[in-house]
PDB file of N, CA and C in Angstrom:
ATOM      1  N   MET A   1       0.804  -0.630   0.488  1.00  0.00           N
ATOM      2  CA  MET A   1       0.335   0.045  -0.437  1.00  0.00           C
ATOM      3  C   MET A   1       0.566   1.027  -0.272  1.00  0.00           C
ATOM      4  N   LYS A   2       0.783   2.635  -0.398  1.00  0.00           N
ATOM      5  CA  LYS A   2       0.678   3.504  -0.605  1.00  0.00           C
ATOM      6  C   LYS A   2       1.336   4.548   0.648  1.00  0.00           C
ATOM      7  N   ASN A   3       2.088   4.890   0.854  1.00  0.00           N
ATOM      8  CA  ASN A   3       2.041   5.457   2.520  1.00  0.00           C
ATOM      9  C   ASN A   3       1.123   7.032   1.746  1.00  0.00           C
ATOM     10  N   ILE A   4       0.283   6.739   1.830  1.00  0.00           N
ATOM     11  CA  ILE A   4      -0.685   8.427   2.103  1.00  0.00           C
ATOM     12  C   ILE A   4      -1.166   8.513   3.581  1.00  0.00           C
ATOM     13  N   ASP A   5      -0.980  10.915   3.576  1.00  0.00           N
ATOM     14  CA  ASP A   5      -1.044  10.821   4.240  1.00  0.00           C
ATOM     15  C   ASP A   5      -2.354  11.131   4.512  1.00  0.00           C
ATOM     16  N   PRO A   6      -2.831  10.280   5.559  1.00  0.00           N
ATOM     17  CA  PRO A   6      -4.778  10.649   6.277  1.00  0.00           C
ATOM     18  C   PRO A   6      -5.281  11.841   5.754  1.00  0.00           C
ATOM     19  N   ASN A   7      -4.600  12.373   6.827  1.00  0.00           N
ATOM     20  CA  ASN A   7      -5.001  14.196   6.684  1.00  0.00           C
ATOM     21  C   ASN A   7      -5.331  14.802   5.930  1.00  0.00           C
ATOM     22  N   ARG A   8      -4.753  14.905   4.476  1.00  0.00           N
ATOM     23  CA  ARG A   8      -4.855  15.160   3.428  1.00  0.00           C
ATOM     24  C   ARG A   8      -6.495  14.686   2.612  1.00  0.00           C
ATOM     25  N   ILE A   9      -7.212  13.648   3.335  1.00  0.00           N
ATOM     26  CA  ILE A   9      -8.945  14.016   2.634  1.00  0.00           C
ATOM     27  C   ILE A   9      -9.681  14.948   3.765  1.00  0.00           C
ATOM     28  N   THR A  10     -10.622  15.198   2.625  1.00  0.00           N
ATOM     29  CA  THR A  10     -11.776  16.128   4.127  1.00  0.00           C
ATOM     30  C   THR A  10     -12.885  15.250   3.720  1.00  0.00           C
ATOM     31  N   PRO A  11     -13.181  15.558   4.558  1.00  0.00           N
ATOM     32  CA  PRO A  11     -15.172  14.698   4.768  1.00  0.00           C
ATOM     33  C   PRO A  11     -15.731  15.240   2.796  1.00  0.00           C
ATOM     34  N   SER A  12     -15.423  16.750   2.956  1.00  0.00           N
ATOM     35  CA  SER A  12     -15.709  17.171   1.331  1.00  0.00           C
ATOM     36  C   SER A  12     -15.523  16.010   0.366  1.00  0.00           C
ATOM     37  N   GLN A  13     -13.837  16.296   0.298  1.00  0.00           N
ATOM     38  CA  GLN A  13     -13.221  15.429  -1.044  1.00  0.00           C
ATOM     39  C   GLN A  13     -13.765  14.323  -1.008  1.00  0.00           C
ATOM     40  N   CYS A  14     -14.397  13.118   0.319  1.00  0.00           N
ATOM     41  CA  CYS A  14     -14.870  11.829  -0.033  1.00  0.00           C
ATOM     42  C   CYS A  14     -15.815  12.202  -0.764  1.00  0.00           C
ATOM     43  N   ARG A  15     -16.794  12.587  -0.157  1.00  0.00           N
ATOM     44  CA  ARG A  15     -18.103  13.055  -1.061  1.00  0.00           C
ATOM     45  C   ARG A  15     -18.002  13.463  -2.325  1.00  0.00           C
ATOM     46  N   ALA A  16     -16.930  14.291  -2.754  1.00  0.00           N
ATOM     47  CA  ALA A  16     -16.898  14.368  -4.296  1.00  0.00           C
ATOM     48  C   ALA A  16     -16.071  13.189  -4.791  1.00  0.00           C
ATOM     49  N   ALA A  17     -15.446  12.735  -4.663  1.00  0.00           N
ATOM     50  CA  ALA A  17     -14.698  11.600  -5.222  1.00  0.00           C
ATOM     51  C   ALA A  17     -15.808  10.872  -5.386  1.00  0.00           C
ATOM     52  N   ARG A  18     -16.531   9.854  -4.340  1.00  0.00           N
ATOM     53  CA  ARG A  18     -17.870   9.456  -4.944  1.00  0.00           C
ATOM     54  C   ARG A  18     -18.402   9.460  -5.516  1.00  0.00           C
ATOM     55  N   ALA A  19     -19.314  11.178  -5.741  1.00  0.00           N
ATOM     56  CA  ALA A  19     -19.664  11.311  -6.627  1.00  0.00           C
ATOM     57  C   ALA A  19     -18.735  10.637  -8.238  1.00  0.00           C
ATOM     58  N   LEU A  20     -17.888  11.704  -7.718  1.00  0.00           N
ATOM     59  CA  LEU A  20     -17.398  11.367 -10.075  1.00  0.00           C
ATOM     60  C   LEU A  20     -17.450  10.195 -10.162  1.00  0.00           C
ATOM     61  N   LEU A  21     -16.589   9.238  -9.190  1.00  0.00           N
ATOM     62  CA  LEU A  21     -16.568   7.284  -9.825  1.00  0.00           C
ATOM     63  C   LEU A  21     -18.650   7.019  -8.912  1.00  0.00           C
ATOM     64  N   ARG A  22     -19.318   7.564  -9.415  1.00  0.00           N
ATOM     65  CA  ARG A  22     -21.310   7.964  -9.283  1.00  0.00           C
ATOM     66  C   ARG A  22     -20.674   6.028  -8.438  1.00  0.00           C
ATOM     67  N   TRP A  23     -20.360   6.250  -6.585  1.00  0.00           N
ATOM     68  CA  TRP A  23     -20.093   5.066  -6.058  1.00  0.00           C
ATOM     69  C   TRP A  23     -21.833   5.344  -4.950  1.00  0.00           C
ATOM     70  N   SER A  24     -22.306   4.818  -4.738  1.00  0.00           N
ATOM     71  CA  SER A  24     -23.122   4.749  -3.580  1.00  0.00           C
ATOM     72  C   SER A  24     -22.036   5.155  -1.934  1.00  0.00           C
ATOM     73  N   GLN A  25     -22.642   5.444  -0.940  1.00  0.00           N
ATOM     74  CA  GLN A  25     -21.747   5.171   0.428  1.00  0.00           C
ATOM     75  C   GLN A  25     -21.347   3.851   0.783  1.00  0.00           C
ATOM     76  N   ASN A  26     -22.124   2.271   0.458  1.00  0.00           N
ATOM     77  CA  ASN A  26     -21.902   1.397   0.687  1.00  0.00           C
ATOM     78  C   ASN A  26     -21.518   0.489  -0.332  1.00  0.00           C
ATOM     79  N   GLU A  27     -21.278   1.130  -1.559  1.00  0.00           N
ATOM     80  CA  GLU A  27     -19.776   0.510  -2.435  1.00  0.00           C
ATOM     81  C   GLU A  27     -18.442   1.070  -2.177  1.00  0.00           C
ATOM     82  N   LEU A  28     -18.191   2.103  -1.127  1.00  0.00           N
ATOM     83  CA  LEU A  28     -16.852   2.327  -1.007  1.00  0.00           C
ATOM     84  C   LEU A  28     -16.561   2.276  -0.058  1.00  0.00           C
ATOM     85  N   ALA A  29     -17.459   1.706   1.209  1.00  0.00           N
ATOM     86  CA  ALA A  29     -17.331   0.612   1.603  1.00  0.00           C
ATOM     87  C   ALA A  29     -16.656  -0.198   1.653  1.00  0.00           C
ATOM     88  N   GLU A  30     -17.604  -1.090   0.339  1.00  0.00           N
ATOM     89  CA  GLU A  30     -17.194  -2.228   0.074  1.00  0.00           C
ATOM     90  C   GLU A  30     -15.815  -2.755  -0.143  1.00  0.00           C
ATOM     91  N   ARG A  31     -15.912  -1.394  -0.683  1.00  0.00           N
ATOM     92  CA  ARG A  31     -14.087  -1.556  -1.785  1.00  0.00           C
ATOM     93  C   ARG A  31     -13.742  -1.263  -1.238  1.00  0.00           C
ATOM     94  N   ALA A  32     -13.613  -0.702  -0.001  1.00  0.00           N
ATOM     95  CA  ALA A  32     -12.316  -0.086   1.784  1.00  0.00           C
ATOM     96  C   ALA A  32     -12.096  -0.472   2.096  1.00  0.00           C
ATOM     97  N   LYS A  33     -13.239  -1.968   2.252  1.00  0.00           N
ATOM     98  CA  LYS A  33     -12.933  -2.642   3.654  1.00  0.00           C
ATOM     99  C   LYS A  33     -13.371  -1.784   5.170  1.00  0.00           C
ATOM    100  N   VAL A  34     -13.941  -0.727   4.391  1.00  0.00           N
ATOM    101  CA  VAL A  34     -14.123   0.132   6.559  1.00  0.00           C
ATOM    102  C   VAL A  34     -16.461   0.213   5.943  1.00  0.00           C
ATOM    103  N   GLY A  35     -16.721  -0.146   7.469  1.00  0.00           N
ATOM    104  CA  GLY A  35     -17.930   0.081   7.601  1.00  0.00           C
ATOM    105  C   GLY A  35     -18.462   1.272   7.272  1.00  0.00           C
ATOM    106  N   LYS A  36     -19.875   0.896   7.078  1.00  0.00           N
ATOM    107  CA  LYS A  36     -20.963   1.587   5.936  1.00  0.00           C
ATOM    108  C   LYS A  36     -20.692   3.150   7.096  1.00  0.00           C
ATOM    109  N   GLN A  37     -21.294   2.663   8.241  1.00  0.00           N
ATOM    110  CA  GLN A  37     -21.423   3.597   8.786  1.00  0.00           C
ATOM    111  C   GLN A  37     -20.425   5.126   9.550  1.00  0.00           C
ATOM    112  N   THR A  38     -19.380   3.632   9.451  1.00  0.00           N
ATOM    113  CA  THR A  38     -18.694   4.963  10.081  1.00  0.00           C
ATOM    114  C   THR A  38     -17.645   5.847   8.557  1.00  0.00           C
ATOM    115  N   LEU A  39     -17.882   5.077   7.423  1.00  0.00           N
ATOM    116  CA  LEU A  39     -17.842   5.984   6.323  1.00  0.00           C
ATOM    117  C   LEU A  39     -18.437   7.424   6.747  1.00  0.00           C
ATOM    118  N   ALA A  40     -20.108   7.253   6.252  1.00  0.00           N
ATOM    119  CA  ALA A  40     -21.367   7.963   6.806  1.00  0.00           C
ATOM    120  C   ALA A  40     -20.745   8.888   7.778  1.00  0.00           C
ATOM    121  N   ASP A  41     -20.420   8.621   8.892  1.00  0.00           N
ATOM    122  CA  ASP A  41     -20.145   8.945  10.127  1.00  0.00           C
ATOM    123  C   ASP A  41     -18.995  10.657  10.260  1.00  0.00           C
ATOM    124  N   PHE A  42     -17.911   9.983   9.210  1.00  0.00           N
ATOM    125  CA  PHE A  42     -17.398  10.758   8.309  1.00  0.00           C
ATOM    126  C   PHE A  42     -17.736  11.733   7.683  1.00  0.00           C
ATOM    127  N   GLU A  43     -18.300  11.132   6.745  1.00  0.00           N
ATOM    128  CA  GLU A  43     -19.176  12.240   5.677  1.00  0.00           C
ATOM    129  C   GLU A  43     -19.229  12.609   6.058  1.00  0.00           C
ATOM    130  N   ARG A  44     -20.536  13.212   6.862  1.00  0.00           N
ATOM    131  CA  ARG A  44     -20.603  13.497   7.664  1.00  0.00           C
ATOM    132  C   ARG A  44     -20.364  14.751   8.949  1.00  0.00           C
ATOM    133  N   GLU A  45     -19.155  14.344   9.307  1.00  0.00           N
ATOM    134  CA  GLU A  45     -18.235  15.058   9.458  1.00  0.00           C
ATOM    135  C   GLU A  45     -19.085  14.845  12.042  1.00  0.00           C
ATOM    136  N   ALA A  46     -18.800  13.574  11.595  1.00  0.00           N
ATOM    137  CA  ALA A  46     -19.315  12.926  13.134  1.00  0.00           C
ATOM    138  C   ALA A  46     -18.513  12.577  13.768  1.00  0.00           C
ATOM    139  N   ARG A  47     -18.109  12.021  12.640  1.00  0.00           N
ATOM    140  CA  ARG A  47     -16.628  11.027  13.709  1.00  0.00           C
ATOM    141  C   ARG A  47     -15.396  11.243  12.754  1.00  0.00           C
ATOM    142  N   GLU A  48     -14.145  11.043  13.327  1.00  0.00           N
ATOM    143  CA  GLU A  48     -12.499  10.863  13.001  1.00  0.00           C
ATOM    144  C   GLU A  48     -12.272   9.548  12.797  1.00  0.00           C
ATOM    145  N   PRO A  49     -12.290   8.949  12.101  1.00  0.00           N
ATOM    146  CA  PRO A  49     -11.694   7.799  11.026  1.00  0.00           C
ATOM    147  C   PRO A  49      -9.886   7.066  11.976  1.00  0.00           C
ATOM    148  N   TYR A  50     -10.039   5.894  11.770  1.00  0.00           N
ATOM    149  CA  TYR A  50      -8.482   5.858  13.077  1.00  0.00           C
ATOM    150  C   TYR A  50      -8.093   5.777  11.507  1.00  0.00           C
ATOM    151  N   ASP A  51      -6.418   6.658  11.196  1.00  0.00           N
ATOM    152  CA  ASP A  51      -5.656   6.388   9.958  1.00  0.00           C
ATOM    153  C   ASP A  51      -5.716   5.414   9.163  1.00  0.00           C
ATOM    154  N   ARG A  52      -6.064   4.531   9.509  1.00  0.00           N
ATOM    155  CA  ARG A  52      -5.421   3.619   8.973  1.00  0.00           C
ATOM    156  C   ARG A  52      -6.943   3.018   8.331  1.00  0.00           C
ATOM    157  N   THR A  53      -8.049   2.897   8.925  1.00  0.00           N
ATOM    158  CA  THR A  53      -9.127   3.385   7.290  1.00  0.00           C
ATOM    159  C   THR A  53      -8.992   4.792   6.287  1.00  0.00           C
ATOM    160  N   LEU A  54      -8.439   5.717   7.139  1.00  0.00           N
ATOM    161  CA  LEU A  54      -8.960   6.715   6.229  1.00  0.00           C
ATOM    162  C   LEU A  54      -7.463   6.848   5.015  1.00  0.00           C
ATOM    163  N   ALA A  55      -6.479   5.551   5.650  1.00  0.00           N
ATOM    164  CA  ALA A  55      -5.144   5.751   4.318  1.00  0.00           C
ATOM    165  C   ALA A  55      -6.370   4.387   2.941  1.00  0.00           C
ATOM    166  N   ASP A  56      -7.246   3.241   3.626  1.00  0.00           N
ATOM    167  CA  ASP A  56      -7.936   2.116   2.900  1.00  0.00           C
ATOM    168  C   ASP A  56      -8.491   3.087   2.299  1.00  0.00           C
ATOM    169  N   ILE A  57      -9.275   3.827   2.254  1.00  0.00           N
ATOM    170  CA  ILE A  57     -10.529   4.979   1.337  1.00  0.00           C
ATOM    171  C   ILE A  57     -10.211   5.633   0.674  1.00  0.00           C
ATOM    172  N   VAL A  58      -9.147   6.318   1.083  1.00  0.00           N
ATOM    173  CA  VAL A  58      -7.811   7.125   0.353  1.00  0.00           C
ATOM    174  C   VAL A  58      -7.554   6.057  -1.168  1.00  0.00           C
ATOM    175  N   ALA A  59      -6.611   5.505  -0.911  1.00  0.00           N
ATOM    176  CA  ALA A  59      -6.418   4.259  -1.860  1.00  0.00           C
ATOM    177  C   ALA A  59      -7.413   4.318  -2.453  1.00  0.00           C
ATOM    178  N   VAL A  60      -8.959   3.513  -1.996  1.00  0.00           N
ATOM    179  CA  VAL A  60      -8.865   2.624  -3.378  1.00  0.00           C
ATOM    180  C   VAL A  60      -9.560   3.782  -4.557  1.00  0.00           C
ATOM    181  N   ILE A  61      -9.863   5.133  -3.111  1.00  0.00           N
ATOM    182  CA  ILE A  61     -10.178   5.901  -5.236  1.00  0.00           C
ATOM    183  C   ILE A  61      -8.942   6.250  -5.694  1.00  0.00           C
ATOM    184  N   GLU A  62      -8.062   6.398  -5.053  1.00  0.00           N
ATOM    185  CA  GLU A  62      -7.087   6.548  -5.683  1.00  0.00           C
ATOM    186  C   GLU A  62      -6.324   5.951  -7.271  1.00  0.00           C
ATOM    187  N   ASP A  63      -6.746   4.648  -6.910  1.00  0.00           N
ATOM    188  CA  ASP A  63      -6.786   3.552  -7.554  1.00  0.00           C
ATOM    189  C   ASP A  63      -8.358   3.322  -8.274  1.00  0.00           C
ATOM    190  N   ALA A  64      -9.249   4.047  -7.713  1.00  0.00           N
ATOM    191  CA  ALA A  64     -10.192   3.621  -9.245  1.00  0.00           C
ATOM    192  C   ALA A  64     -10.139   5.131 -10.046  1.00  0.00           C
ATOM    193  N   GLY A  65      -8.986   5.737  -9.929  1.00  0.00           N
ATOM    194  CA  GLY A  65      -8.644   7.015 -10.849  1.00  0.00           C
ATOM    195  C   GLY A  65      -8.929   8.723  -9.716  1.00  0.00           C
ATOM    196  N   ILE A  66      -8.876   8.449  -9.315  1.00  0.00           N
ATOM    197  CA  ILE A  66      -9.552  10.484  -8.230  1.00  0.00           C
ATOM    198  C   ILE A  66      -8.163  10.719  -8.019  1.00  0.00           C
ATOM    199  N   GLU A  67      -6.810  11.302  -7.596  1.00  0.00           N
ATOM    200  CA  GLU A  67      -6.552  12.438  -7.117  1.00  0.00           C
ATOM    201  C   GLU A  67      -7.035  13.700  -6.623  1.00  0.00           C
ATOM    202  N   PHE A  68      -6.723  13.691  -5.886  1.00  0.00           N
ATOM    203  CA  PHE A  68      -6.904  15.070  -4.577  1.00  0.00           C
ATOM    204  C   PHE A  68      -5.568  15.400  -5.018  1.00  0.00           C
ATOM    205  N   ILE A  69      -6.272  17.208  -5.076  1.00  0.00           N
ATOM    206  CA  ILE A  69      -5.381  18.186  -5.032  1.00  0.00           C
ATOM    207  C   ILE A  69      -5.762  19.468  -4.374  1.00  0.00           C
ATOM    208  N   GLY A  70      -4.431  19.685  -3.929  1.00  0.00           N
ATOM    209  CA  GLY A  70      -5.004  21.774  -3.523  1.00  0.00           C
ATOM    210  C   GLY A  70      -4.385  21.353  -2.225  1.00  0.00           C
ATOM    211  N   THR A  71      -3.828  22.974  -2.171  1.00  0.00           N
ATOM    212  CA  THR A  71      -4.031  23.014  -0.208  1.00  0.00           C
ATOM    213  C   THR A  71      -4.084  24.877  -0.127  1.00  0.00           C
ATOM    214  N   ARG A  72      -4.624  25.120   0.646  1.00  0.00           N
ATOM    215  CA  ARG A  72      -4.855  26.382   0.702  1.00  0.00           C
ATOM    216  C   ARG A  72      -3.890  27.061   0.298  1.00  0.00           C
ATOM    217  N   GLU A  73      -2.342  26.841   0.251  1.00  0.00           N
ATOM    218  CA  GLU A  73      -1.596  27.459  -0.653  1.00  0.00           C
ATOM    219  C   GLU A  73      -1.593  27.822  -2.247  1.00  0.00           C
ATOM    220  N   SER A  74      -2.706  26.135  -2.937  1.00  0.00           N
ATOM    221  CA  SER A  74      -2.767  26.062  -4.145  1.00  0.00           C
ATOM    222  C   SER A  74      -3.913  27.505  -3.918  1.00  0.00           C
ATOM    223  N   GLY A  75      -4.664  27.460  -3.135  1.00  0.00           N
ATOM    224  CA  GLY A  75      -5.608  27.712  -4.282  1.00  0.00           C
ATOM    225  C   GLY A  75      -7.136  27.832  -2.959  1.00  0.00           C
ATOM    226  N   GLY A  76      -7.387  25.650  -2.664  1.00  0.00           N
ATOM    227  CA  GLY A  76      -7.742  25.528  -2.206  1.00  0.00           C
ATOM    228  C   GLY A  76      -7.847  24.017  -2.543  1.00  0.00           C
ATOM    229  N   ILE A  77      -8.695  22.961  -1.968  1.00  0.00           N
ATOM    230  CA  ILE A  77      -8.175  21.619  -1.956  1.00  0.00           C
ATOM    231  C   ILE A  77     -10.145  21.046  -3.096  1.00  0.00           C
ATOM    232  N   GLY A  78      -9.582  20.164  -2.866  1.00  0.00           N
ATOM    233  CA  GLY A  78     -10.625  19.705  -4.411  1.00  0.00           C
ATOM    234  C   GLY A  78      -9.737  17.903  -4.725  1.00  0.00           C
ATOM    235  N   VAL A  79     -10.991  17.519  -6.003  1.00  0.00           N
ATOM    236  CA  VAL A  79     -10.448  16.327  -6.301  1.00  0.00           C
ATOM    237  C   VAL A  79     -11.308  16.266  -7.365  1.00  0.00           C
ATOM    238  N   ARG A  80      -9.935  15.517  -8.739  1.00  0.00           N
ATOM    239  CA  ARG A  80     -10.660  15.323 -10.216  1.00  0.00           C
ATOM    240  C   ARG A  80     -10.580  13.932 -10.724  1.00  0.00           C
ATOM    241  N   PHE A  81     -10.332  13.694 -11.776  1.00  0.00           N
ATOM    242  CA  PHE A  81     -10.087  12.659 -12.601  1.00  0.00           C
ATOM    243  C   PHE A  81      -8.451  12.376 -12.599  1.00  0.00           C
ATOM    244  N   LYS A  82      -7.441  11.429 -13.246  1.00  0.00           N
ATOM    245  CA  LYS A  82      -6.758  12.130 -12.811  1.00  0.00           C
ATOM    246  C   LYS A  82      -6.365  11.423 -14.828  1.00  0.00           C
ATOM    247  N   LEU A  83      -5.326  11.984 -14.924  1.00  0.00           N
ATOM    248  CA  LEU A  83      -4.202  11.972 -15.735  1.00  0.00           C
ATOM    249  C   LEU A  83      -3.210  11.468 -16.447  1.00  0.00           C
ATOM    250  N   MET A  84      -4.576  10.381 -17.539  1.00  0.00           N
ATOM    251  CA  MET A  84      -4.233   9.150 -18.190  1.00  0.00           C
ATOM    252  C   MET A  84      -3.101   9.797 -19.083  1.00  0.00           C
ATOM    253  N   THR A  85      -1.773   8.913 -18.991  1.00  0.00           N
ATOM    254  CA  THR A  85      -0.420   9.374 -19.973  1.00  0.00           C
ATOM    255  C   THR A  85      -0.267   8.174 -20.749  1.00  0.00           C
TER     256      THR A  85
END
């Protein structure tokens, strides 16, 4: 698995990534092998998952072709499809 900084994904980025992929919460939870309630709570900012859980979510999303972009210095955060080369 990649060495992922779990602090770089926000609940809104997670929701946006799912929307781009047209995945339900159930589908992402199953693919990442995390609890559906854990994912739902994270996305509505009710709970901060363990670092490993966030890393699993990020890995599945990135493997599906999404990249997490931006920082406050670069003008904001978001998600987009990775450029295929």
